[in-house]
Amino acid sequence: MPIDTTKVSNRRAVRLPSLDAYRAEVRRLAAAERAGRVKRLGNWTVGQTFHHLAFWLDTVFDGPPGPLPPWIIRLLGPLLKKRFLKGLPAGFRMPKVEAGTYGTDVVSLDDGERELLAAIDRLERNVPPPRHFLFGRMSREDWSTMHLRHAELHLSFLDG
């Protein structure tokens, strides 16, 4: 039975101030998982978590993964941007998406780590588009901040 991630109270605090810190945390967790020291507090494997984060990082350049949200949600999106740049809530599920989000395929630790490190590098090396499909205008700093907060959420469910 899946864990209700909205009720996990013993998540670890993760703060990623930069993409370099993000890379270091990915490498640290991958090494801890290889050593058998990672305790999963959520539903996903370490490789699956890494894959999910890489998937969403790649949407910066590849575009949204599914149909655009309804127009009313897109109208409100820019108002929600500040909230998402501060942090994301655990347990959020996208309506009408079977798994509640995209990029949930189970992949090996090695594949997930490789994908995620490449996606972080891609964000750092390339100029992101000026607009997000939901949040509207986004600076380079906004794009990085949003993905750092997303990573903090998911990595908080991996203790190792």
Protein backbone atom coordinates (compact mmCIF):
# COMPACT_ATOMS: atom_id res chain seq x y z
CA MET A 1 0.00 0.00 0.00
CA PRO A 2 1.46 3.39 -0.96
CA ILE A 3 2.60 5.79 1.72
CA ASP A 4 0.52 8.97 2.08
CA THR A 5 3.40 11.41 1.67
CA THR A 6 1.35 14.28 3.11
CA LYS A 7 1.58 12.50 6.48
CA VAL A 8 5.31 11.67 6.59
CA SER A 9 6.51 13.73 9.53
CA ASN A 10 10.11 12.56 9.86
CA ARG A 11 11.43 13.83 6.52
CA ARG A 12 14.90 15.25 6.64
CA ALA A 13 15.50 18.93 6.08
CA VAL A 14 17.18 19.53 2.73
CA ARG A 15 18.36 22.95 1.62
CA LEU A 16 19.98 23.31 -1.78
CA PRO A 17 21.31 26.85 -2.25
CA SER A 18 22.80 26.20 -5.70
CA LEU A 19 23.02 23.79 -8.61
CA ASP A 20 26.48 22.78 -7.34
CA ALA A 21 24.95 21.84 -3.97
CA TYR A 22 22.25 19.91 -5.86
CA ARG A 23 24.88 17.91 -7.78
CA ALA A 24 26.80 17.18 -4.57
CA GLU A 25 23.63 15.94 -2.83
CA VAL A 26 22.76 13.68 -5.77
CA ARG A 27 26.24 12.15 -5.70
CA ARG A 28 26.15 11.78 -1.91
CA LEU A 29 22.76 10.04 -1.96
CA ALA A 30 23.81 7.77 -4.84
CA ALA A 31 26.91 6.70 -2.89
CA ALA A 32 24.83 6.15 0.26
CA GLU A 33 22.35 4.02 -1.70
CA ARG A 34 25.17 1.92 -3.17
CA ALA A 35 26.42 1.39 0.39
CA GLY A 36 22.93 0.36 1.54
CA ARG A 37 22.51 3.34 3.87
CA VAL A 38 19.49 5.11 2.35
CA LYS A 39 16.19 4.83 4.17
CA ARG A 40 13.24 5.64 1.93
CA LEU A 41 10.44 7.53 3.65
CA GLY A 42 8.24 7.79 0.56
CA ASN A 43 7.14 5.53 -2.26
CA TRP A 44 9.92 5.88 -4.83
CA THR A 45 13.33 4.31 -5.21
CA VAL A 46 16.37 6.57 -5.33
CA GLY A 47 16.73 5.95 -9.09
CA GLN A 48 13.04 6.72 -9.64
CA THR A 49 13.32 9.94 -7.61
CA PHE A 50 16.36 11.02 -9.62
CA HIS A 51 14.56 10.17 -12.87
CA HIS A 52 11.51 12.23 -11.84
CA LEU A 53 13.64 15.26 -11.02
CA ALA A 54 15.54 14.92 -14.31
CA PHE A 55 12.28 14.58 -16.23
CA TRP A 56 10.96 17.86 -14.86
CA LEU A 57 14.28 19.65 -15.34
CA ASP A 58 14.19 18.62 -19.00
CA THR A 59 10.72 20.14 -19.43
CA VAL A 60 12.40 23.55 -19.11
CA PHE A 61 13.72 23.04 -22.63
CA ASP A 62 11.49 20.27 -24.01
CA GLY A 63 8.14 21.80 -23.04
CA PRO A 64 5.27 20.56 -20.88
CA PRO A 65 4.83 16.79 -20.67
CA GLY A 66 1.12 16.66 -21.34
CA PRO A 67 -1.79 18.86 -22.30
CA LEU A 68 -1.70 22.39 -20.96
CA PRO A 69 -3.74 23.01 -17.82
CA PRO A 70 -7.18 24.59 -18.37
CA TRP A 71 -7.14 28.29 -19.21
CA ILE A 72 -8.37 29.30 -15.75
CA ILE A 73 -5.42 27.55 -14.11
CA ARG A 74 -3.02 29.17 -16.59
CA LEU A 75 -4.60 32.53 -15.77
CA LEU A 76 -3.91 31.97 -12.05
CA GLY A 77 -0.47 30.41 -12.63
CA PRO A 78 1.57 33.61 -12.37
CA LEU A 79 -0.07 34.29 -9.00
CA LEU A 80 1.12 30.88 -7.75
CA LYS A 81 4.70 31.32 -8.95
CA LYS A 82 6.01 32.92 -5.75
CA ARG A 83 4.55 30.08 -3.68
CA PHE A 84 6.28 27.46 -5.83
CA LEU A 85 9.58 29.35 -5.67
CA LYS A 86 9.45 29.15 -1.87
CA GLY A 87 8.82 25.40 -1.74
CA LEU A 88 6.46 22.69 -2.87
CA PRO A 89 3.91 20.81 -0.77
CA ALA A 90 4.31 17.07 -0.24
CA GLY A 91 1.64 14.88 -1.74
CA PHE A 92 0.54 17.24 -4.51
CA ARG A 93 -1.14 15.32 -7.33
CA MET A 94 -1.79 16.72 -10.79
CA PRO A 95 -5.44 16.27 -11.73
CA LYS A 96 -6.19 13.81 -14.54
CA VAL A 97 -2.63 12.41 -14.51
CA GLU A 98 -2.68 8.70 -13.66
CA ALA A 99 0.32 8.64 -11.32
CA GLY A 100 -0.39 12.16 -10.05
CA THR A 101 2.68 13.47 -11.86
CA TYR A 102 4.90 12.68 -14.81
CA GLY A 103 8.33 11.08 -14.86
CA THR A 104 7.63 8.29 -12.35
CA ASP A 105 9.17 5.41 -14.30
CA VAL A 106 11.26 3.03 -12.23
CA VAL A 107 14.86 3.27 -13.39
CA SER A 108 18.14 1.99 -11.99
CA LEU A 109 20.16 4.10 -9.61
CA ASP A 110 22.92 4.51 -12.19
CA ASP A 111 20.52 5.59 -14.94
CA GLY A 112 18.66 7.98 -12.65
CA GLU A 113 21.87 9.55 -11.37
CA ARG A 114 23.25 9.95 -14.89
CA GLU A 115 19.97 11.50 -16.15
CA LEU A 116 19.72 13.92 -13.25
CA LEU A 117 23.31 15.12 -13.38
CA ALA A 118 22.97 15.67 -17.14
CA ALA A 119 19.70 17.61 -16.64
CA ILE A 120 21.27 19.83 -13.96
CA ASP A 121 24.19 20.52 -16.31
CA ARG A 122 21.76 21.29 -19.14
CA LEU A 123 19.97 23.90 -17.02
CA GLU A 124 23.25 25.47 -16.00
CA ARG A 125 24.77 25.57 -19.52
CA ASN A 126 21.74 26.73 -21.52
CA VAL A 127 19.55 29.80 -21.44
CA PRO A 128 16.05 28.78 -20.31
CA PRO A 129 13.05 30.16 -22.15
CA PRO A 130 11.60 33.42 -20.84
CA ARG A 131 8.20 31.87 -20.05
CA HIS A 132 6.94 28.86 -18.12
CA PHE A 133 3.81 27.16 -19.48
CA LEU A 134 1.98 27.81 -16.18
CA PHE A 135 3.86 30.48 -14.21
CA GLY A 136 4.54 32.96 -17.02
CA ARG A 137 7.71 35.08 -17.05
CA MET A 138 10.69 33.31 -15.53
CA SER A 139 14.26 34.51 -15.10
CA ARG A 140 17.21 32.11 -15.12
CA GLU A 141 17.25 32.44 -11.33
CA ASP A 142 13.53 31.60 -11.13
CA TRP A 143 14.05 28.44 -13.19
CA SER A 144 16.94 27.30 -10.98
CA THR A 145 15.11 28.19 -7.77
CA MET A 146 11.99 26.29 -8.79
CA HIS A 147 13.98 23.15 -9.56
CA LEU A 148 16.05 23.44 -6.37
CA ARG A 149 12.85 23.62 -4.29
CA HIS A 150 11.39 20.66 -6.23
CA ALA A 151 14.54 18.66 -5.49
CA GLU A 152 14.45 19.60 -1.81
CA LEU A 153 10.96 18.19 -1.56
CA HIS A 154 11.71 14.85 -3.17
CA LEU A 155 15.16 14.37 -1.67
CA SER A 156 13.70 14.97 1.81
CA PHE A 157 12.11 11.52 1.50
CA LEU A 158 15.54 9.90 1.15
CA ASP A 159 17.50 9.69 4.38
CA GLY A 160 21.05 8.45 4.11
